[in-house]
Structure formats: C-alpha cells, structure tokens
Amino acid sequence: MSALSGGRAVFWSRLAAALRLLEAVTVTIPVVVLSQRFRFPVILREPAAVALPLFRAQEAAVVPAYYVFR
C-alpha cells in the first residue's frame, strides 16, 4: 500500500507539474526581457564603454529582470 491514496497522489503529481511549468515561465520571461532590452548575453563580451551606456538607457527594465532571473 502506498503512502498516498490514489486521489492524493494525483493531486500532488499535478501540483508538482504545475510548479515546474511556473518555474520555467518565471525563468524564461526575464531572459527574454534581458535579451530584448540589453542584448544579453552578448553584452557580457562587450567593453564597459559599450555596456554601461546601454545599461543606463535600459536600467528601468534591466534591473528588475536581472533580480527575477537571478
């Protein structure tokens, strides 16, 4: 006999699947924002003279996206 009855096992399986999907969306959205606004990850190879002005221009979108992505 399993530790969980049939109905409870299905519930927990569906909850786990929903949480995995939510995690995927939560990670994907900030990456898309960083890519569109800040040319991430290509910008990481650029010199500071190129990256910093772009960062300043897009700071309002880049900072929140970075903290969500992190």
Protein backbone atom coordinates (compact mmCIF):
# COMPACT_ATOMS: atom_id res chain seq x y z
CA MET A 1 0.00 0.00 0.00
CA SER A 2 1.44 3.38 -0.97
CA ALA A 3 1.84 6.26 1.45
CA LEU A 4 -0.65 8.33 -0.53
CA SER A 5 -4.08 7.23 -1.63
CA GLY A 6 -4.90 7.43 -5.35
CA GLY A 7 -6.63 10.82 -5.29
CA ARG A 8 -3.99 12.49 -3.16
CA ALA A 9 -1.18 11.10 -5.33
CA VAL A 10 -2.79 12.55 -8.45
CA PHE A 11 -3.21 15.92 -6.72
CA TRP A 12 0.46 16.07 -5.69
CA SER A 13 1.61 14.97 -9.14
CA ARG A 14 -0.43 17.69 -10.80
CA LEU A 15 0.75 20.27 -8.30
CA ALA A 16 4.38 19.33 -8.96
CA ALA A 17 3.82 19.57 -12.73
CA ALA A 18 2.18 22.99 -12.35
CA LEU A 19 5.05 24.25 -10.20
CA ARG A 20 7.60 23.05 -12.76
CA LEU A 21 5.72 24.88 -15.51
CA LEU A 22 5.53 28.02 -13.37
CA GLU A 23 9.28 27.84 -12.73
CA ALA A 24 10.01 27.53 -16.46
CA VAL A 25 7.87 30.58 -17.25
CA THR A 26 9.34 32.55 -14.33
CA VAL A 27 12.87 31.98 -15.63
CA THR A 28 12.08 32.46 -19.32
CA ILE A 29 10.36 35.85 -19.11
CA PRO A 30 13.32 37.72 -17.53
CA VAL A 31 15.74 36.15 -20.01
CA VAL A 32 13.59 37.39 -22.89
CA VAL A 33 13.41 40.88 -21.37
CA LEU A 34 17.19 40.96 -20.85
CA SER A 35 17.76 39.73 -24.40
CA GLN A 36 15.48 42.33 -25.98
CA ARG A 37 16.45 45.34 -23.88
CA PHE A 38 20.09 44.67 -23.04
CA ARG A 39 21.38 42.26 -25.74
CA PHE A 40 22.05 39.66 -23.05
CA PRO A 41 24.29 37.54 -23.04
CA VAL A 42 26.24 39.13 -25.94
CA ILE A 43 26.64 42.36 -23.95
CA LEU A 44 28.78 40.49 -21.42
CA ARG A 45 31.56 40.27 -24.02
CA GLU A 46 31.46 43.99 -24.83
CA PRO A 47 33.75 46.55 -23.20
CA ALA A 48 32.36 48.69 -20.39
CA ALA A 49 32.30 51.72 -22.70
CA VAL A 50 29.60 49.95 -24.73
CA ALA A 51 27.76 48.10 -21.96
CA LEU A 52 27.35 50.86 -19.39
CA PRO A 53 25.60 53.43 -21.63
CA LEU A 54 23.20 50.72 -22.81
CA PHE A 55 22.62 49.68 -19.20
CA ARG A 56 21.86 53.27 -18.18
CA ALA A 57 19.44 53.69 -21.08
CA GLN A 58 17.55 50.46 -20.24
CA GLU A 59 18.05 50.40 -16.47
CA ALA A 60 14.33 50.51 -15.60
CA ALA A 61 13.74 47.18 -17.38
CA VAL A 62 17.11 45.52 -16.88
CA VAL A 63 17.41 45.74 -13.09
CA PRO A 64 14.06 44.12 -12.19
CA ALA A 65 14.55 41.44 -14.86
CA TYR A 66 18.01 40.67 -13.52
CA TYR A 67 16.76 40.19 -9.97
CA VAL A 68 13.92 37.92 -11.10
CA PHE A 69 16.33 35.92 -13.27
CA ARG A 70 18.91 35.67 -10.53
